[in-house]
């Protein structure tokens, strides 16, 4: 299962699960601004940074 990290690994900005973020194949996670500043290349593995999938909205369950 994909780990939705809650902080950008470069600047420390908080990232809500529904926020736009970019990840590499190892799930290194960056905010959009940092990913753009790094030309969409992960500084840890040199892999491509792509949009992180967002979780599906789960409707509130009524008892």
Protein backbone atom coordinates (compact mmCIF):
# COMPACT_ATOMS: atom_id res chain seq x y z
CA UNK A 1 0.00 0.00 0.00
CA UNK A 2 1.21 3.50 -0.85
CA UNK A 3 2.46 5.49 2.13
CA UNK A 4 0.99 9.00 1.99
CA UNK A 5 3.69 11.03 3.69
CA UNK A 6 2.50 14.23 5.29
CA UNK A 7 5.53 16.49 4.68
CA UNK A 8 7.67 17.59 1.76
CA UNK A 9 11.09 16.01 2.16
CA UNK A 10 12.82 19.16 0.89
CA UNK A 11 11.08 22.14 2.56
CA UNK A 12 9.03 20.45 5.29
CA UNK A 13 5.70 21.88 4.09
CA UNK A 14 2.70 19.92 5.36
CA UNK A 15 0.92 17.82 2.73
CA UNK A 16 -2.64 16.69 3.40
CA UNK A 17 -3.62 13.36 1.79
CA UNK A 18 -5.74 15.21 -0.79
CA UNK A 19 -3.04 17.81 -1.55
CA UNK A 20 -1.09 17.75 -4.78
CA UNK A 21 2.35 16.24 -4.27
CA UNK A 22 4.92 14.37 -6.33
CA UNK A 23 6.60 11.06 -5.53
CA UNK A 24 9.29 8.80 -6.95
CA UNK A 25 9.18 5.01 -7.17
CA UNK A 26 10.50 4.80 -3.57
CA UNK A 27 7.71 7.13 -2.35
CA UNK A 28 10.02 10.07 -1.62
CA UNK A 29 7.49 12.90 -1.42
CA UNK A 30 7.79 16.55 -2.44
CA UNK A 31 5.48 19.54 -2.77
CA UNK A 32 4.82 20.87 -6.26
CA UNK A 33 7.12 23.90 -5.83
CA UNK A 34 10.08 21.81 -4.69
CA UNK A 35 9.54 19.21 -7.41
CA UNK A 36 9.54 21.96 -10.03
CA UNK A 37 12.71 23.48 -8.53
CA UNK A 38 14.36 20.04 -8.85
CA UNK A 39 13.15 19.61 -12.47
CA UNK A 40 10.92 16.69 -11.37
CA UNK A 41 13.93 14.53 -10.48
CA UNK A 42 14.25 12.89 -7.06
CA UNK A 43 17.46 13.98 -5.32
CA UNK A 44 17.63 10.66 -3.46
CA UNK A 45 17.44 8.16 -6.32
CA UNK A 46 17.53 10.34 -9.47
CA UNK A 47 14.17 8.88 -10.46
CA UNK A 48 11.31 10.76 -12.09
CA UNK A 49 8.86 12.54 -9.81
CA UNK A 50 5.21 11.99 -10.77
CA UNK A 51 1.90 13.08 -9.29
CA UNK A 52 0.98 11.23 -6.15
CA UNK A 53 -2.44 9.54 -6.41
CA UNK A 54 -5.07 10.97 -4.13
CA UNK A 55 -7.20 8.75 -1.91
CA UNK A 56 -10.81 8.14 -2.89
CA UNK A 57 -13.38 10.11 -0.95
CA UNK A 58 -15.12 7.81 1.48
CA UNK A 59 -18.73 8.71 2.26
CA UNK A 60 -19.67 8.93 5.92
CA UNK A 61 -21.34 5.74 7.02
CA UNK A 62 -24.57 6.03 8.92
CA UNK A 63 -25.08 3.29 11.52
